[in-house]
């Protein structure tokens, strides 16, 4: 878990990080619940996401009934960049922001 933002005072860092953690936890429109399916050993469901722009948090909700296996890989593709002209998902969908 991120503990601080380099270059900010502890108070500024805590304020921003607590805000971001709150946004991640409380906004269902930016969350995905993935339903793993396994038919037989070696076969099942796969999930792929870009760790450069995604926060991953696993939940122990399968009660150990089905074995799950995860492999983390890293792409050696393009360097991430920031587009100041891009819209947020809410803006693109025409949803007024509450924050």
PDB file of N, CA and C in Angstrom:
ATOM      1  N   UNK A   1       0.848  -1.175   0.000  1.00  0.00           N
ATOM      2  CA  UNK A   1       0.000   0.000   0.000  1.00  0.00           C
ATOM      3  C   UNK A   1       0.894   1.237   0.000  1.00  0.00           C
ATOM      4  N   UNK A   2       0.463   2.251  -0.709  1.00  0.00           N
ATOM      5  CA  UNK A   2       1.202   3.505  -0.763  1.00  0.00           C
ATOM      6  C   UNK A   2       1.154   4.179   0.602  1.00  0.00           C
ATOM      7  N   UNK A   3       2.307   4.618   1.074  1.00  0.00           N
ATOM      8  CA  UNK A   3       2.387   5.245   2.401  1.00  0.00           C
ATOM      9  C   UNK A   3       2.545   6.748   2.343  1.00  0.00           C
ATOM     10  N   UNK A   4       3.138   7.270   1.277  1.00  0.00           N
ATOM     11  CA  UNK A   4       3.322   8.714   1.176  1.00  0.00           C
ATOM     12  C   UNK A   4       3.603   9.097  -0.271  1.00  0.00           C
ATOM     13  N   UNK A   5       3.449  10.399  -0.541  1.00  0.00           N
ATOM     14  CA  UNK A   5       3.754  10.937  -1.858  1.00  0.00           C
ATOM     15  C   UNK A   5       5.038  11.742  -1.743  1.00  0.00           C
ATOM     16  N   UNK A   6       6.053  11.335  -2.460  1.00  0.00           N
ATOM     17  CA  UNK A   6       7.352  11.998  -2.410  1.00  0.00           C
ATOM     18  C   UNK A   6       7.209  13.442  -2.883  1.00  0.00           C
ATOM     19  N   UNK A   7       7.809  14.357  -2.149  1.00  0.00           N
ATOM     20  CA  UNK A   7       7.793  15.762  -2.529  1.00  0.00           C
ATOM     21  C   UNK A   7       6.707  16.573  -1.847  1.00  0.00           C
ATOM     22  N   UNK A   8       5.827  15.923  -1.107  1.00  0.00           N
ATOM     23  CA  UNK A   8       4.780  16.625  -0.374  1.00  0.00           C
ATOM     24  C   UNK A   8       5.038  16.516   1.129  1.00  0.00           C
ATOM     25  N   UNK A   9       4.494  17.452   1.865  1.00  0.00           N
ATOM     26  CA  UNK A   9       4.598  17.358   3.324  1.00  0.00           C
ATOM     27  C   UNK A   9       3.751  16.176   3.777  1.00  0.00           C
ATOM     28  N   UNK A  10       4.023  15.626   4.950  1.00  0.00           N
ATOM     29  CA  UNK A  10       3.200  14.504   5.441  1.00  0.00           C
ATOM     30  C   UNK A  10       1.703  14.843   5.482  1.00  0.00           C
ATOM     31  N   UNK A  11       1.362  16.062   5.857  1.00  0.00           N
ATOM     32  CA  UNK A  11      -0.052  16.455   5.930  1.00  0.00           C
ATOM     33  C   UNK A  11      -0.673  16.462   4.536  1.00  0.00           C
ATOM     34  N   UNK A  12       0.013  17.061   3.551  1.00  0.00           N
ATOM     35  CA  UNK A  12      -0.492  17.094   2.175  1.00  0.00           C
ATOM     36  C   UNK A  12      -0.616  15.679   1.606  1.00  0.00           C
ATOM     37  N   UNK A  13       0.412  14.884   1.826  1.00  0.00           N
ATOM     38  CA  UNK A  13       0.424  13.520   1.330  1.00  0.00           C
ATOM     39  C   UNK A  13      -0.734  12.722   1.912  1.00  0.00           C
ATOM     40  N   UNK A  14      -0.929  12.795   3.215  1.00  0.00           N
ATOM     41  CA  UNK A  14      -2.012  12.053   3.872  1.00  0.00           C
ATOM     42  C   UNK A  14      -3.374  12.499   3.353  1.00  0.00           C
ATOM     43  N   UNK A  15      -3.548  13.801   3.166  1.00  0.00           N
ATOM     44  CA  UNK A  15      -4.821  14.333   2.682  1.00  0.00           C
ATOM     45  C   UNK A  15      -5.156  13.775   1.297  1.00  0.00           C
ATOM     46  N   UNK A  16      -4.195  13.812   0.397  1.00  0.00           N
ATOM     47  CA  UNK A  16      -4.429  13.325  -0.967  1.00  0.00           C
ATOM     48  C   UNK A  16      -4.624  11.814  -0.990  1.00  0.00           C
ATOM     49  N   UNK A  17      -3.764  11.075  -0.297  1.00  0.00           N
ATOM     50  CA  UNK A  17      -3.881   9.613  -0.305  1.00  0.00           C
ATOM     51  C   UNK A  17      -5.189   9.149   0.333  1.00  0.00           C
ATOM     52  N   UNK A  18      -5.590   9.767   1.438  1.00  0.00           N
ATOM     53  CA  UNK A  18      -6.854   9.379   2.064  1.00  0.00           C
ATOM     54  C   UNK A  18      -8.032   9.650   1.133  1.00  0.00           C
ATOM     55  N   UNK A  19      -7.974  10.754   0.392  1.00  0.00           N
ATOM     56  CA  UNK A  19      -9.015  11.060  -0.591  1.00  0.00           C
ATOM     57  C   UNK A  19      -9.059   9.977  -1.672  1.00  0.00           C
ATOM     58  N   UNK A  20      -7.888   9.639  -2.227  1.00  0.00           N
ATOM     59  CA  UNK A  20      -7.837   8.630  -3.286  1.00  0.00           C
ATOM     60  C   UNK A  20      -8.290   7.257  -2.799  1.00  0.00           C
ATOM     61  N   UNK A  21      -7.856   6.863  -1.604  1.00  0.00           N
ATOM     62  CA  UNK A  21      -8.294   5.574  -1.049  1.00  0.00           C
ATOM     63  C   UNK A  21      -9.806   5.565  -0.883  1.00  0.00           C
ATOM     64  N   UNK A  22     -10.373   6.681  -0.438  1.00  0.00           N
ATOM     65  CA  UNK A  22     -11.815   6.803  -0.260  1.00  0.00           C
ATOM     66  C   UNK A  22     -12.544   6.682  -1.600  1.00  0.00           C
ATOM     67  N   UNK A  23     -12.010   7.317  -2.643  1.00  0.00           N
ATOM     68  CA  UNK A  23     -12.615   7.235  -3.977  1.00  0.00           C
ATOM     69  C   UNK A  23     -12.616   5.785  -4.453  1.00  0.00           C
ATOM     70  N   UNK A  24     -11.500   5.078  -4.301  1.00  0.00           N
ATOM     71  CA  UNK A  24     -11.419   3.683  -4.741  1.00  0.00           C
ATOM     72  C   UNK A  24     -12.409   2.797  -4.002  1.00  0.00           C
ATOM     73  N   UNK A  25     -12.569   3.009  -2.707  1.00  0.00           N
ATOM     74  CA  UNK A  25     -13.416   2.137  -1.901  1.00  0.00           C
ATOM     75  C   UNK A  25     -14.903   2.385  -2.086  1.00  0.00           C
ATOM     76  N   UNK A  26     -15.290   3.616  -2.389  1.00  0.00           N
ATOM     77  CA  UNK A  26     -16.712   3.970  -2.365  1.00  0.00           C
ATOM     78  C   UNK A  26     -17.362   4.179  -3.722  1.00  0.00           C
ATOM     79  N   UNK A  27     -16.633   4.127  -4.812  1.00  0.00           N
ATOM     80  CA  UNK A  27     -17.214   4.366  -6.129  1.00  0.00           C
ATOM     81  C   UNK A  27     -17.341   3.063  -6.896  1.00  0.00           C
ATOM     82  N   UNK A  28     -18.539   2.506  -6.893  1.00  0.00           N
ATOM     83  CA  UNK A  28     -18.780   1.224  -7.554  1.00  0.00           C
ATOM     84  C   UNK A  28     -18.603   1.316  -9.068  1.00  0.00           C
ATOM     85  N   UNK A  29     -18.736   2.516  -9.647  1.00  0.00           N
ATOM     86  CA  UNK A  29     -18.609   2.640 -11.105  1.00  0.00           C
ATOM     87  C   UNK A  29     -17.165   2.540 -11.578  1.00  0.00           C
ATOM     88  N   UNK A  30     -16.207   2.519 -10.669  1.00  0.00           N
ATOM     89  CA  UNK A  30     -14.812   2.347 -11.073  1.00  0.00           C
ATOM     90  C   UNK A  30     -14.229   1.054 -10.499  1.00  0.00           C
ATOM     91  N   UNK A  31     -15.108   0.139 -10.087  1.00  0.00           N
ATOM     92  CA  UNK A  31     -14.678  -1.135  -9.538  1.00  0.00           C
ATOM     93  C   UNK A  31     -15.150  -2.282 -10.431  1.00  0.00           C
ATOM     94  N   UNK A  32     -14.401  -3.353 -10.392  1.00  0.00           N
ATOM     95  CA  UNK A  32     -14.800  -4.557 -11.102  1.00  0.00           C
ATOM     96  C   UNK A  32     -14.754  -5.715 -10.124  1.00  0.00           C
ATOM     97  N   UNK A  33     -15.830  -6.472 -10.061  1.00  0.00           N
ATOM     98  CA  UNK A  33     -15.844  -7.724  -9.297  1.00  0.00           C
ATOM     99  C   UNK A  33     -15.773  -8.836 -10.326  1.00  0.00           C
ATOM    100  N   UNK A  34     -14.728  -9.612 -10.257  1.00  0.00           N
ATOM    101  CA  UNK A  34     -14.482 -10.644 -11.260  1.00  0.00           C
ATOM    102  C   UNK A  34     -14.925 -11.988 -10.712  1.00  0.00           C
ATOM    103  N   UNK A  35     -15.755 -12.707 -11.455  1.00  0.00           N
ATOM    104  CA  UNK A  35     -16.270 -14.000 -11.037  1.00  0.00           C
ATOM    105  C   UNK A  35     -15.452 -15.111 -11.686  1.00  0.00           C
ATOM    106  N   UNK A  36     -14.592 -15.720 -10.892  1.00  0.00           N
ATOM    107  CA  UNK A  36     -13.727 -16.778 -11.396  1.00  0.00           C
ATOM    108  C   UNK A  36     -14.533 -18.048 -11.622  1.00  0.00           C
ATOM    109  N   UNK A  37     -14.306 -18.698 -12.751  1.00  0.00           N
ATOM    110  CA  UNK A  37     -14.947 -19.977 -13.060  1.00  0.00           C
ATOM    111  C   UNK A  37     -13.859 -20.998 -13.362  1.00  0.00           C
ATOM    112  N   UNK A  38     -14.013 -22.175 -12.818  1.00  0.00           N
ATOM    113  CA  UNK A  38     -13.061 -23.244 -13.092  1.00  0.00           C
ATOM    114  C   UNK A  38     -13.840 -24.515 -13.369  1.00  0.00           C
ATOM    115  N   UNK A  39     -13.622 -25.086 -14.539  1.00  0.00           N
ATOM    116  CA  UNK A  39     -14.349 -26.296 -14.906  1.00  0.00           C
ATOM    117  C   UNK A  39     -13.575 -27.562 -14.552  1.00  0.00           C
ATOM    118  N   UNK A  40     -12.275 -27.504 -14.716  1.00  0.00           N
ATOM    119  CA  UNK A  40     -11.419 -28.630 -14.347  1.00  0.00           C
ATOM    120  C   UNK A  40     -10.003 -28.101 -14.172  1.00  0.00           C
ATOM    121  N   UNK A  41      -9.136 -28.819 -13.485  1.00  0.00           N
ATOM    122  CA  UNK A  41      -7.775 -28.324 -13.249  1.00  0.00           C
ATOM    123  C   UNK A  41      -7.068 -27.939 -14.535  1.00  0.00           C
ATOM    124  N   UNK A  42      -6.462 -26.768 -14.550  1.00  0.00           N
ATOM    125  CA  UNK A  42      -5.742 -26.288 -15.711  1.00  0.00           C
ATOM    126  C   UNK A  42      -6.589 -25.457 -16.663  1.00  0.00           C
ATOM    127  N   UNK A  43      -7.891 -25.411 -16.425  1.00  0.00           N
ATOM    128  CA  UNK A  43      -8.801 -24.642 -17.271  1.00  0.00           C
ATOM    129  C   UNK A  43      -9.614 -23.707 -16.387  1.00  0.00           C
ATOM    130  N   UNK A  44     -10.013 -22.575 -16.939  1.00  0.00           N
ATOM    131  CA  UNK A  44     -10.828 -21.658 -16.158  1.00  0.00           C
ATOM    132  C   UNK A  44     -10.793 -20.264 -16.739  1.00  0.00           C
ATOM    133  N   UNK A  45     -10.991 -19.294 -15.892  1.00  0.00           N
ATOM    134  CA  UNK A  45     -11.105 -17.903 -16.287  1.00  0.00           C
ATOM    135  C   UNK A  45      -9.789 -17.180 -16.085  1.00  0.00           C
ATOM    136  N   UNK A  46      -9.496 -16.250 -16.986  1.00  0.00           N
ATOM    137  CA  UNK A  46      -8.296 -15.415 -16.867  1.00  0.00           C
ATOM    138  C   UNK A  46      -8.713 -13.955 -16.808  1.00  0.00           C
ATOM    139  N   UNK A  47      -7.952 -13.172 -16.082  1.00  0.00           N
ATOM    140  CA  UNK A  47      -8.178 -11.728 -16.023  1.00  0.00           C
ATOM    141  C   UNK A  47      -6.860 -11.033 -16.345  1.00  0.00           C
ATOM    142  N   UNK A  48      -6.945  -9.989 -17.147  1.00  0.00           N
ATOM    143  CA  UNK A  48      -5.755  -9.218 -17.515  1.00  0.00           C
ATOM    144  C   UNK A  48      -6.070  -7.746 -17.292  1.00  0.00           C
ATOM    145  N   UNK A  49      -5.150  -7.040 -16.656  1.00  0.00           N
ATOM    146  CA  UNK A  49      -5.312  -5.596 -16.468  1.00  0.00           C
ATOM    147  C   UNK A  49      -3.962  -4.928 -16.530  1.00  0.00           C
ATOM    148  N   UNK A  50      -3.965  -3.629 -16.709  1.00  0.00           N
ATOM    149  CA  UNK A  50      -2.743  -2.839 -16.829  1.00  0.00           C
ATOM    150  C   UNK A  50      -2.414  -2.237 -15.465  1.00  0.00           C
ATOM    151  N   UNK A  51      -1.364  -2.725 -14.839  1.00  0.00           N
ATOM    152  CA  UNK A  51      -0.997  -2.255 -13.502  1.00  0.00           C
ATOM    153  C   UNK A  51      -0.527  -0.803 -13.479  1.00  0.00           C
ATOM    154  N   UNK A  52      -0.263  -0.222 -14.655  1.00  0.00           N
ATOM    155  CA  UNK A  52       0.161   1.167 -14.684  1.00  0.00           C
ATOM    156  C   UNK A  52      -0.991   2.099 -14.338  1.00  0.00           C
ATOM    157  N   UNK A  53      -2.211   1.654 -14.556  1.00  0.00           N
ATOM    158  CA  UNK A  53      -3.356   2.530 -14.312  1.00  0.00           C
ATOM    159  C   UNK A  53      -4.475   1.840 -13.540  1.00  0.00           C
ATOM    160  N   UNK A  54      -4.151   0.766 -12.845  1.00  0.00           N
ATOM    161  CA  UNK A  54      -5.165  -0.011 -12.140  1.00  0.00           C
ATOM    162  C   UNK A  54      -4.669  -0.375 -10.756  1.00  0.00           C
ATOM    163  N   UNK A  55      -5.566  -0.311  -9.793  1.00  0.00           N
ATOM    164  CA  UNK A  55      -5.244  -0.773  -8.449  1.00  0.00           C
ATOM    165  C   UNK A  55      -5.933  -2.118  -8.260  1.00  0.00           C
ATOM    166  N   UNK A  56      -5.186  -3.121  -7.857  1.00  0.00           N
ATOM    167  CA  UNK A  56      -5.725  -4.469  -7.705  1.00  0.00           C
ATOM    168  C   UNK A  56      -5.819  -4.820  -6.230  1.00  0.00           C
ATOM    169  N   UNK A  57      -6.937  -5.398  -5.865  1.00  0.00           N
ATOM    170  CA  UNK A  57      -7.121  -5.856  -4.491  1.00  0.00           C
ATOM    171  C   UNK A  57      -7.886  -7.170  -4.529  1.00  0.00           C
ATOM    172  N   UNK A  58      -7.267  -8.223  -4.080  1.00  0.00           N
ATOM    173  CA  UNK A  58      -7.919  -9.530  -4.087  1.00  0.00           C
ATOM    174  C   UNK A  58      -8.788  -9.684  -2.845  1.00  0.00           C
ATOM    175  N   UNK A  59      -9.902 -10.386  -3.007  1.00  0.00           N
ATOM    176  CA  UNK A  59     -10.835 -10.646  -1.913  1.00  0.00           C
ATOM    177  C   UNK A  59     -10.924 -12.152  -1.721  1.00  0.00           C
ATOM    178  N   UNK A  60     -10.821 -12.591  -0.488  1.00  0.00           N
ATOM    179  CA  UNK A  60     -10.910 -14.020  -0.182  1.00  0.00           C
ATOM    180  C   UNK A  60     -12.381 -14.361   0.019  1.00  0.00           C
ATOM    181  N   UNK A  61     -13.107 -14.509  -1.088  1.00  0.00           N
ATOM    182  CA  UNK A  61     -14.533 -14.793  -0.999  1.00  0.00           C
ATOM    183  C   UNK A  61     -14.925 -16.120  -1.650  1.00  0.00           C
ATOM    184  N   UNK A  62     -13.946 -16.887  -2.074  1.00  0.00           N
ATOM    185  CA  UNK A  62     -14.274 -18.163  -2.708  1.00  0.00           C
ATOM    186  C   UNK A  62     -14.192 -19.325  -1.733  1.00  0.00           C
ATOM    187  N   UNK A  63     -13.880 -19.016  -0.486  1.00  0.00           N
ATOM    188  CA  UNK A  63     -13.887 -19.977   0.621  1.00  0.00           C
ATOM    189  C   UNK A  63     -13.045 -21.216   0.355  1.00  0.00           C
ATOM    190  N   UNK A  64     -12.053 -21.098  -0.536  1.00  0.00           N
ATOM    191  CA  UNK A  64     -11.157 -22.215  -0.793  1.00  0.00           C
ATOM    192  C   UNK A  64     -11.786 -23.382  -1.522  1.00  0.00           C
ATOM    193  N   UNK A  65     -12.986 -23.210  -2.056  1.00  0.00           N
ATOM    194  CA  UNK A  65     -13.666 -24.312  -2.755  1.00  0.00           C
ATOM    195  C   UNK A  65     -12.992 -24.649  -4.082  1.00  0.00           C
ATOM    196  N   UNK A  66     -12.477 -23.633  -4.761  1.00  0.00           N
ATOM    197  CA  UNK A  66     -11.813 -23.827  -6.041  1.00  0.00           C
ATOM    198  C   UNK A  66     -10.389 -23.289  -5.923  1.00  0.00           C
ATOM    199  N   UNK A  67      -9.411 -24.019  -6.413  1.00  0.00           N
ATOM    200  CA  UNK A  67      -8.051 -23.470  -6.404  1.00  0.00           C
ATOM    201  C   UNK A  67      -7.943 -22.305  -7.371  1.00  0.00           C
ATOM    202  N   UNK A  68      -7.210 -21.274  -6.982  1.00  0.00           N
ATOM    203  CA  UNK A  68      -6.966 -20.141  -7.869  1.00  0.00           C
ATOM    204  C   UNK A  68      -5.463 -19.930  -7.952  1.00  0.00           C
ATOM    205  N   UNK A  69      -5.032 -19.502  -9.108  1.00  0.00           N
ATOM    206  CA  UNK A  69      -3.611 -19.263  -9.319  1.00  0.00           C
ATOM    207  C   UNK A  69      -3.456 -17.929 -10.028  1.00  0.00           C
ATOM    208  N   UNK A  70      -2.509 -17.132  -9.580  1.00  0.00           N
ATOM    209  CA  UNK A  70      -2.253 -15.852 -10.226  1.00  0.00           C
ATOM    210  C   UNK A  70      -0.807 -15.750 -10.661  1.00  0.00           C
ATOM    211  N   UNK A  71      -0.589 -15.195 -11.821  1.00  0.00           N
ATOM    212  CA  UNK A  71       0.745 -14.936 -12.322  1.00  0.00           C
ATOM    213  C   UNK A  71       0.811 -13.476 -12.734  1.00  0.00           C
ATOM    214  N   UNK A  72       1.749 -12.741 -12.168  1.00  0.00           N
ATOM    215  CA  UNK A  72       1.894 -11.323 -12.501  1.00  0.00           C
ATOM    216  C   UNK A  72       2.947 -11.184 -13.590  1.00  0.00           C
ATOM    217  N   UNK A  73       2.589 -10.479 -14.647  1.00  0.00           N
ATOM    218  CA  UNK A  73       3.519 -10.212 -15.740  1.00  0.00           C
ATOM    219  C   UNK A  73       3.571  -8.712 -15.975  1.00  0.00           C
ATOM    220  N   UNK A  74       4.629  -8.257 -16.598  1.00  0.00           N
ATOM    221  CA  UNK A  74       4.785  -6.837 -16.901  1.00  0.00           C
ATOM    222  C   UNK A  74       5.055  -6.670 -18.379  1.00  0.00           C
ATOM    223  N   UNK A  75       4.336  -5.759 -18.974  1.00  0.00           N
ATOM    224  CA  UNK A  75       4.513  -5.467 -20.391  1.00  0.00           C
ATOM    225  C   UNK A  75       5.769  -4.625 -20.591  1.00  0.00           C
ATOM    226  N   UNK A  76       6.436  -4.834 -21.676  1.00  0.00           N
ATOM    227  CA  UNK A  76       7.586  -4.006 -22.037  1.00  0.00           C
ATOM    228  C   UNK A  76       7.202  -3.095 -23.200  1.00  0.00           C
ATOM    229  N   UNK A  77       5.946  -2.692 -23.216  1.00  0.00           N
ATOM    230  CA  UNK A  77       5.418  -1.875 -24.307  1.00  0.00           C
ATOM    231  C   UNK A  77       5.765  -0.408 -24.118  1.00  0.00           C
ATOM    232  N   UNK A  78       4.873   0.452 -24.555  1.00  0.00           N
ATOM    233  CA  UNK A  78       5.127   1.888 -24.557  1.00  0.00           C
ATOM    234  C   UNK A  78       5.253   2.458 -23.144  1.00  0.00           C
ATOM    235  N   UNK A  79       5.900   3.597 -23.075  1.00  0.00           N
ATOM    236  CA  UNK A  79       6.044   4.319 -21.817  1.00  0.00           C
ATOM    237  C   UNK A  79       4.718   5.022 -21.527  1.00  0.00           C
ATOM    238  N   UNK A  80       4.174   4.923 -20.298  1.00  0.00           N
ATOM    239  CA  UNK A  80       2.916   5.605 -20.007  1.00  0.00           C
ATOM    240  C   UNK A  80       3.062   7.124 -20.120  1.00  0.00           C
ATOM    241  N   UNK A  81       1.991   7.785 -20.477  1.00  0.00           N
ATOM    242  CA  UNK A  81       2.030   9.239 -20.619  1.00  0.00           C
ATOM    243  C   UNK A  81       0.720   9.836 -20.114  1.00  0.00           C
ATOM    244  N   UNK A  82       0.733  11.120 -19.829  1.00  0.00           N
ATOM    245  CA  UNK A  82      -0.444  11.851 -19.369  1.00  0.00           C
ATOM    246  C   UNK A  82      -0.948  12.753 -20.477  1.00  0.00           C
ATOM    247  N   UNK A  83      -2.221  12.639 -20.806  1.00  0.00           N
ATOM    248  CA  UNK A  83      -2.842  13.493 -21.817  1.00  0.00           C
ATOM    249  C   UNK A  83      -3.729  14.507 -21.109  1.00  0.00           C
ATOM    250  N   UNK A  84      -3.298  15.770 -21.011  1.00  0.00           N
ATOM    251  CA  UNK A  84      -4.080  16.770 -20.282  1.00  0.00           C
ATOM    252  C   UNK A  84      -5.430  17.070 -20.928  1.00  0.00           C
ATOM    253  N   UNK A  85      -5.630  16.653 -22.183  1.00  0.00           N
ATOM    254  CA  UNK A  85      -6.897  16.888 -22.879  1.00  0.00           C
ATOM    255  C   UNK A  85      -7.891  15.748 -22.695  1.00  0.00           C
ATOM    256  N   UNK A  86      -7.459  14.653 -22.057  1.00  0.00           N
ATOM    257  CA  UNK A  86      -8.354  13.504 -21.907  1.00  0.00           C
ATOM    258  C   UNK A  86      -9.435  13.794 -20.873  1.00  0.00           C
ATOM    259  N   UNK A  87     -10.552  13.075 -21.002  1.00  0.00           N
ATOM    260  CA  UNK A  87     -11.674  13.225 -20.079  1.00  0.00           C
ATOM    261  C   UNK A  87     -11.689  12.062 -19.101  1.00  0.00           C
ATOM    262  N   UNK A  88     -12.228  12.311 -17.909  1.00  0.00           N
ATOM    263  CA  UNK A  88     -12.426  11.221 -16.967  1.00  0.00           C
ATOM    264  C   UNK A  88     -13.563  10.342 -17.475  1.00  0.00           C
ATOM    265  N   UNK A  89     -13.724   9.152 -16.895  1.00  0.00           N
ATOM    266  CA  UNK A  89     -14.821   8.279 -17.302  1.00  0.00           C
ATOM    267  C   UNK A  89     -16.165   8.956 -17.049  1.00  0.00           C
ATOM    268  N   UNK A  90     -16.284   9.663 -15.927  1.00  0.00           N
ATOM    269  CA  UNK A  90     -17.540  10.356 -15.609  1.00  0.00           C
ATOM    270  C   UNK A  90     -17.825  11.449 -16.639  1.00  0.00           C
ATOM    271  N   UNK A  91     -16.803  12.226 -16.990  1.00  0.00           N
ATOM    272  CA  UNK A  91     -16.991  13.285 -17.987  1.00  0.00           C
ATOM    273  C   UNK A  91     -17.389  12.699 -19.339  1.00  0.00           C
ATOM    274  N   UNK A  92     -16.731  11.617 -19.744  1.00  0.00           N
ATOM    275  CA  UNK A  92     -17.014  10.985 -21.022  1.00  0.00           C
ATOM    276  C   UNK A  92     -18.438  10.448 -21.070  1.00  0.00           C
ATOM    277  N   UNK A  93     -18.971  10.024 -19.921  1.00  0.00           N
ATOM    278  CA  UNK A  93     -20.330   9.485 -19.848  1.00  0.00           C
ATOM    279  C   UNK A  93     -21.356  10.558 -19.535  1.00  0.00           C
ATOM    280  N   UNK A  94     -20.910  11.822 -19.351  1.00  0.00           N
ATOM    281  CA  UNK A  94     -21.835  12.909 -19.076  1.00  0.00           C
ATOM    282  C   UNK A  94     -22.397  12.917 -17.664  1.00  0.00           C
ATOM    283  N   UNK A  95     -21.644  12.337 -16.725  1.00  0.00           N
ATOM    284  CA  UNK A  95     -22.095  12.279 -15.331  1.00  0.00           C
ATOM    285  C   UNK A  95     -21.457  13.423 -14.559  1.00  0.00           C
ATOM    286  N   UNK A  96     -22.278  14.198 -13.873  1.00  0.00           N
ATOM    287  CA  UNK A  96     -21.766  15.297 -13.066  1.00  0.00           C
ATOM    288  C   UNK A  96     -21.013  14.743 -11.859  1.00  0.00           C
ATOM    289  N   UNK A  97     -19.835  15.268 -11.614  1.00  0.00           N
ATOM    290  CA  UNK A  97     -19.002  14.807 -10.516  1.00  0.00           C
ATOM    291  C   UNK A  97     -19.535  15.322  -9.189  1.00  0.00           C
ATOM    292  N   UNK A  98     -19.520  14.452  -8.172  1.00  0.00           N
ATOM    293  CA  UNK A  98     -19.949  14.831  -6.821  1.00  0.00           C
ATOM    294  C   UNK A  98     -18.799  15.341  -5.981  1.00  0.00           C
ATOM    295  N   UNK A  99     -17.598  15.298  -6.520  1.00  0.00           N
ATOM    296  CA  UNK A  99     -16.425  15.722  -5.767  1.00  0.00           C
ATOM    297  C   UNK A  99     -15.512  16.556  -6.596  1.00  0.00           C
TER     298      UNK A  99
END
